[in-house]
Amino acid sequence: MNKEVVSMTGFGRASATLGSRTVGVEIRSLNHRGLDVKLRAYDIQLAPEVEGEIIQRVRQRVARGSVSISLRGEVASGEDDPFAIARVRQMHAALDGLRQELGQKQPLDLAAVGPFLSAAKLGTAFEIPASSWEALAPAIETALTSLRAMRAREGAAIRADLEQRLTLLQGLVEKISEQAAGIPSRAARRLEERLTALLGATPAVDPARLAQEVAILAERFDVSEELVRLRSHFDHLAALLAGRSKDAPGRRIDFLAQEIGRELNTLGAKVQDAPILSLVIDAKAELEKLREQAQNIE
């Protein structure tokens, strides 16, 4: 199955009802060189089998990125709320009694009650045994589907930008190719002008020797191999952007961008020609923008 271009940034949310409890599931992903999956459960004790199933599902759906999975226990409808007013009053009274016992005169602010309620809630964590995986699995899949949908939407925008930059690069390389075809004649003209300046108006330059020197310069400045490799890299990059890859294309695109940069560097070093060097600089600037954008692809 071919892999489309998707972003490494995404978010998905879902919930599952397990008995009298509701479990909220959130999955976030950010850029990362590889695949890094972290699972955090708040107020929940996960069975090792459930934890393993969650991580396996994520690895099946995500190829690259830093993925954070958060599970939080919530109160289902009909259950007494541990943060009800009576609980708040009870906690406030207990803390106020402690204040008086310690001899502190400043009245107790309600804002001080919240952290103690949160700490007390930690002791009410419930378990999700292996037998509850079937009830939790649909929520994990729903959150992953939302995550993938967001990554796909952002990936489509990134792909359009990369295709535009690839088109610009191809145009610059074709201009370089056109300019490179005129290198021998420009080299001959410059060489003849230099010799004339050195020897004066005396026509003492042997045309055959001049042609030989020009041929040597043309061979030295020949960039046909670099142009062939650049076009090949462009074709491969276009195929990856079109989704014709069995693996996630992000790393391959990054590798191709590096190879394109090497060819441009080689081409610029070989050719001592101002018009071509100007085009090479423009191509490098466009390639850098492409490489930066490619860092966001799975």
Protein backbone atom coordinates (compact mmCIF):
# COMPACT_ATOMS: atom_id res chain seq x y z
CA MET A 1 0.00 0.00 0.00
CA ASN A 2 1.37 3.41 -0.96
CA LYS A 3 1.91 6.06 1.70
CA GLU A 4 0.44 9.52 1.32
CA VAL A 5 2.17 12.65 2.55
CA VAL A 6 0.96 13.38 6.08
CA SER A 7 2.08 15.82 8.73
CA MET A 8 3.61 14.68 12.01
CA THR A 9 1.42 17.12 13.93
CA GLY A 10 -2.06 16.04 14.99
CA PHE A 11 -4.61 15.62 17.75
CA GLY A 12 -7.43 13.18 18.47
CA ARG A 13 -9.90 12.77 21.31
CA ALA A 14 -12.52 10.19 22.31
CA SER A 15 -14.08 8.62 25.40
CA ALA A 16 -15.17 5.18 26.56
CA THR A 17 -17.61 4.11 29.26
CA LEU A 18 -16.38 1.37 31.56
CA GLY A 19 -19.07 0.54 34.08
CA SER A 20 -19.85 3.68 36.10
CA ARG A 21 -16.72 5.43 34.86
CA THR A 22 -15.86 7.30 31.70
CA VAL A 23 -12.31 7.28 30.37
CA GLY A 24 -11.20 10.26 28.30
CA VAL A 25 -8.58 9.49 25.63
CA GLU A 26 -6.39 12.16 24.04
CA ILE A 27 -3.63 11.48 21.52
CA ARG A 28 -1.23 14.21 20.37
CA SER A 29 1.70 14.00 17.97
CA LEU A 30 4.59 16.34 17.18
CA ASN A 31 7.67 16.24 14.98
CA HIS A 32 10.34 13.67 15.79
CA ARG A 33 13.16 11.98 13.89
CA GLY A 34 11.68 8.56 14.63
CA LEU A 35 8.64 7.16 16.43
CA ASP A 36 8.44 7.90 20.16
CA VAL A 37 5.28 6.77 21.98
CA LYS A 38 4.52 7.81 25.56
CA LEU A 39 1.47 6.74 27.55
CA ARG A 40 0.24 8.55 30.66
CA ALA A 41 -2.73 7.47 32.75
CA TYR A 42 -4.19 9.93 35.27
CA ASP A 43 -6.27 8.49 38.16
CA ILE A 44 -6.18 5.15 36.35
CA GLN A 45 -4.30 1.93 36.94
CA LEU A 46 -3.79 0.22 33.59
CA ALA A 47 -3.25 -3.51 33.31
CA PRO A 48 0.03 -4.22 31.46
CA GLU A 49 -1.94 -6.02 28.73
CA VAL A 50 -4.07 -2.92 28.10
CA GLU A 51 -1.04 -0.66 28.01
CA GLY A 52 0.63 -2.97 25.50
CA GLU A 53 -2.47 -3.05 23.27
CA ILE A 54 -2.71 0.76 23.22
CA ILE A 55 0.92 1.24 22.25
CA GLN A 56 0.64 -1.48 19.59
CA ARG A 57 -2.42 0.19 18.04
CA VAL A 58 -0.59 3.51 17.87
CA ARG A 59 2.45 1.94 16.23
CA GLN A 60 0.20 0.33 13.63
CA ARG A 61 -1.32 3.69 12.65
CA VAL A 62 1.62 6.09 13.09
CA ALA A 63 5.02 5.64 11.44
CA ARG A 64 6.87 8.69 12.69
CA GLY A 65 6.51 11.42 15.32
CA SER A 66 6.47 12.01 19.05
CA VAL A 67 3.12 10.62 20.21
CA SER A 68 1.65 11.31 23.66
CA ILE A 69 -1.37 9.30 24.81
CA SER A 70 -3.31 10.56 27.84
CA LEU A 71 -6.02 8.63 29.66
CA ARG A 72 -8.07 10.37 32.35
CA GLY A 73 -10.76 8.98 34.60
CA GLU A 74 -14.00 10.94 34.51
CA VAL A 75 -17.29 10.63 36.38
CA ALA A 76 -20.12 9.14 34.42
CA SER A 77 -23.60 10.59 34.72
CA GLY A 78 -25.50 9.44 37.79
CA GLU A 79 -22.42 9.01 40.00
CA ASP A 80 -21.78 11.29 42.95
CA ASP A 81 -19.28 14.00 42.01
CA PRO A 82 -16.21 13.89 44.28
CA PHE A 83 -15.86 17.61 43.69
CA ALA A 84 -19.39 18.41 44.82
CA ILE A 85 -20.05 21.38 47.07
CA ALA A 86 -20.32 19.17 50.15
CA ARG A 87 -16.85 17.76 49.46
CA VAL A 88 -15.42 21.24 49.03
CA ARG A 89 -16.99 22.38 52.29
CA GLN A 90 -15.64 19.34 54.09
CA MET A 91 -12.12 19.91 52.80
CA HIS A 92 -12.28 23.63 53.59
CA ALA A 93 -13.41 22.93 57.15
CA ALA A 94 -10.59 20.44 57.66
CA LEU A 95 -7.97 22.85 56.32
CA ASP A 96 -9.39 25.74 58.36
CA GLY A 97 -9.21 23.63 61.49
CA LEU A 98 -5.57 22.90 60.74
CA ARG A 99 -4.97 26.64 60.24
CA GLN A 100 -6.37 27.42 63.65
CA GLU A 101 -4.39 24.59 65.23
CA LEU A 102 -1.19 26.04 63.78
CA GLY A 103 -2.07 29.49 65.06
CA GLN A 104 -2.25 31.19 61.68
CA LYS A 105 -4.49 34.28 61.75
CA GLN A 106 -4.94 34.82 58.01
CA PRO A 107 -8.28 33.40 56.77
CA LEU A 108 -8.13 30.38 54.51
CA ASP A 109 -8.70 31.21 50.83
CA LEU A 110 -10.85 28.86 48.75
CA ALA A 111 -8.09 28.76 46.15
CA ALA A 112 -6.04 26.70 48.61
CA VAL A 113 -8.66 23.93 48.63
CA GLY A 114 -8.23 22.90 44.98
CA PRO A 115 -4.74 21.33 45.23
CA PHE A 116 -5.79 19.29 48.25
CA LEU A 117 -8.89 18.04 46.43
CA SER A 118 -6.72 17.03 43.47
CA ALA A 119 -4.34 15.22 45.79
CA ALA A 120 -7.24 13.45 47.47
CA LYS A 121 -8.58 12.43 44.08
CA LEU A 122 -5.36 10.55 43.33
CA GLY A 123 -6.35 8.03 45.93
CA THR A 124 -9.58 7.27 44.06
CA ALA A 125 -7.90 5.85 40.94
CA PHE A 126 -9.75 2.96 39.36
CA GLU A 127 -8.36 -0.01 37.51
CA ILE A 128 -8.76 -0.98 33.89
CA PRO A 129 -8.16 -4.74 33.80
CA ALA A 130 -7.30 -6.73 30.72
CA SER A 131 -10.95 -7.78 30.41
CA SER A 132 -11.95 -4.14 29.80
CA TRP A 133 -9.79 -3.75 26.69
CA GLU A 134 -12.67 -4.53 24.30
CA ALA A 135 -14.66 -1.64 25.80
CA LEU A 136 -11.70 0.77 25.64
CA ALA A 137 -10.43 -0.21 22.17
CA PRO A 138 -13.09 1.70 20.13
CA ALA A 139 -12.17 4.96 21.90
CA ILE A 140 -8.48 4.42 21.09
CA GLU A 141 -9.36 3.78 17.45
CA THR A 142 -11.61 6.85 17.28
CA ALA A 143 -8.90 9.10 18.73
CA LEU A 144 -6.33 7.62 16.33
CA THR A 145 -8.67 8.15 13.37
CA SER A 146 -9.10 11.82 14.34
CA LEU A 147 -5.35 12.15 14.75
CA ARG A 148 -4.70 10.65 11.32
CA ALA A 149 -7.37 12.85 9.72
CA MET A 150 -5.75 16.01 11.10
CA ARG A 151 -2.30 14.84 10.03
CA ALA A 152 -3.66 14.10 6.54
CA ARG A 153 -5.22 17.57 6.21
CA GLU A 154 -2.00 19.29 7.23
CA GLY A 155 -0.05 16.88 5.04
CA ALA A 156 -2.07 17.90 1.98
CA ALA A 157 -1.14 21.54 2.56
CA ILE A 158 2.53 20.64 3.03
CA ARG A 159 2.48 18.51 -0.11
CA ALA A 160 1.07 21.40 -2.17
CA ASP A 161 3.83 23.68 -0.89
CA LEU A 162 6.54 21.11 -1.62
CA GLU A 163 5.23 20.50 -5.13
CA GLN A 164 5.35 24.22 -5.79
CA ARG A 165 8.93 24.45 -4.58
CA LEU A 166 9.89 21.38 -6.62
CA THR A 167 8.48 23.06 -9.73
CA LEU A 168 10.56 26.17 -9.00
CA LEU A 169 13.68 24.04 -8.51
CA GLN A 170 13.08 22.21 -11.78
CA GLY A 171 12.70 25.52 -13.59
CA LEU A 172 15.96 26.86 -12.13
CA VAL A 173 17.85 23.71 -13.11
CA GLU A 174 16.51 23.92 -16.66
CA LYS A 175 17.75 27.53 -16.82
CA ILE A 176 21.13 26.31 -15.58
CA SER A 177 21.11 23.70 -18.36
CA GLU A 178 20.40 26.38 -20.97
CA GLN A 179 23.17 28.58 -19.61
CA ALA A 180 25.60 25.64 -19.45
CA ALA A 181 25.14 25.05 -23.19
CA GLY A 182 26.73 28.43 -23.86
CA ILE A 183 29.76 27.91 -21.61
CA PRO A 184 32.19 26.97 -24.46
CA SER A 185 31.40 30.08 -26.53
CA ARG A 186 31.58 32.35 -23.47
CA ALA A 187 34.85 30.70 -22.38
CA ALA A 188 36.30 31.19 -25.88
CA ARG A 189 35.32 34.84 -25.90
CA ARG A 190 36.79 35.51 -22.46
CA LEU A 191 40.00 33.66 -23.30
CA GLU A 192 40.41 35.53 -26.58
CA GLU A 193 39.78 38.86 -24.85
CA ARG A 194 42.44 38.09 -22.24
CA LEU A 195 44.98 37.03 -24.84
CA THR A 196 44.29 40.12 -26.92
CA ALA A 197 44.76 42.29 -23.85
CA LEU A 198 48.07 40.56 -23.09
CA LEU A 199 49.42 40.48 -26.63
CA GLY A 200 47.99 43.77 -27.83
CA ALA A 201 46.40 44.11 -31.22
CA THR A 202 48.88 41.68 -32.81
CA PRO A 203 46.88 38.69 -34.08
CA ALA A 204 49.39 36.17 -32.80
CA VAL A 205 46.81 33.70 -31.39
CA ASP A 206 46.74 30.34 -33.16
CA PRO A 207 43.05 29.54 -33.85
CA ALA A 208 43.72 25.79 -33.52
CA ARG A 209 45.42 26.22 -30.16
CA LEU A 210 42.61 28.51 -29.01
CA ALA A 211 40.04 25.90 -29.98
CA GLN A 212 42.00 23.26 -28.06
CA GLU A 213 42.10 25.39 -24.91
CA VAL A 214 38.40 26.11 -25.20
CA ALA A 215 37.69 22.38 -25.51
CA ILE A 216 39.68 21.73 -22.33
CA LEU A 217 37.75 24.44 -20.49
CA ALA A 218 34.43 23.10 -21.76
CA GLU A 219 35.30 19.62 -20.47
CA ARG A 220 36.36 21.04 -17.12
CA PHE A 221 33.13 23.01 -16.77
CA ASP A 222 30.89 20.22 -18.08
CA VAL A 223 27.96 19.74 -15.67
CA SER A 224 25.89 17.30 -17.72
CA GLU A 225 26.30 14.51 -15.14
CA GLU A 226 25.16 16.77 -12.31
CA LEU A 227 22.14 17.86 -14.35
CA VAL A 228 21.19 14.25 -15.10
CA ARG A 229 21.38 13.33 -11.41
CA LEU A 230 19.40 16.41 -10.39
CA ARG A 231 16.60 15.55 -12.82
CA SER A 232 16.60 11.98 -11.51
CA HIS A 233 16.30 13.23 -7.92
CA PHE A 234 13.46 15.53 -8.97
CA ASP A 235 11.58 12.62 -10.57
CA HIS A 236 12.00 10.53 -7.43
CA LEU A 237 10.87 13.41 -5.23
CA ALA A 238 7.79 13.97 -7.41
CA ALA A 239 6.91 10.27 -7.07
CA LEU A 240 7.17 10.47 -3.27
CA LEU A 241 4.97 13.56 -3.15
CA ALA A 242 2.43 11.75 -5.35
CA GLY A 243 2.23 8.98 -2.76
CA ARG A 244 4.07 6.35 -4.79
CA SER A 245 6.01 4.95 -1.85
CA LYS A 246 5.45 1.86 0.27
CA ASP A 247 6.99 3.49 3.34
CA ALA A 248 6.41 6.81 5.08
CA PRO A 249 8.08 9.29 2.69
CA GLY A 250 9.44 11.83 5.19
CA ARG A 251 12.91 10.37 5.61
CA ARG A 252 13.27 9.64 1.90
CA ILE A 253 12.34 13.21 1.02
CA ASP A 254 14.86 14.51 3.55
CA PHE A 255 17.55 12.25 2.05
CA LEU A 256 16.74 13.41 -1.49
CA ALA A 257 16.92 17.04 -0.39
CA GLN A 258 20.44 16.38 0.94
CA GLU A 259 21.45 14.73 -2.35
CA ILE A 260 20.04 17.62 -4.37
CA GLY A 261 22.06 20.00 -2.21
CA ARG A 262 25.26 18.05 -2.86
CA GLU A 263 24.71 18.15 -6.62
CA LEU A 264 24.08 21.90 -6.54
CA ASN A 265 27.27 22.40 -4.51
CA THR A 266 29.28 20.33 -6.98
CA LEU A 267 27.78 22.16 -9.93
CA GLY A 268 28.52 25.56 -8.42
CA ALA A 269 32.11 24.58 -7.64
CA LYS A 270 32.77 23.35 -11.17
CA VAL A 271 31.32 26.29 -13.07
CA GLN A 272 33.03 29.66 -12.85
CA ASP A 273 30.23 31.41 -14.68
CA ALA A 274 28.35 34.34 -13.11
CA PRO A 275 24.88 33.69 -14.65
CA ILE A 276 24.97 30.03 -13.62
CA LEU A 277 26.29 30.76 -10.12
CA SER A 278 23.42 33.20 -9.62
CA LEU A 279 20.93 30.48 -10.57
CA VAL A 280 22.67 27.98 -8.25
CA ILE A 281 22.31 30.41 -5.34
CA ASP A 282 18.59 30.80 -6.09
CA ALA A 283 18.19 27.02 -6.27
CA LYS A 284 19.95 26.54 -2.91
CA ALA A 285 17.67 29.11 -1.28
CA GLU A 286 14.58 27.31 -2.62
CA LEU A 287 15.96 23.93 -1.59
CA GLU A 288 16.49 25.16 1.98
CA LYS A 289 12.81 26.14 2.18
CA LEU A 290 11.87 22.71 0.84
CA ARG A 291 14.06 20.96 3.42
CA GLU A 292 12.57 22.94 6.29
CA GLN A 293 9.05 22.05 5.20
CA ALA A 294 10.00 18.40 4.70
CA GLN A 295 10.92 18.17 8.41
CA ASN A 296 7.16 18.17 9.15
CA ILE A 297 6.39 15.04 7.10
CA GLU A 298 5.86 11.59 8.60
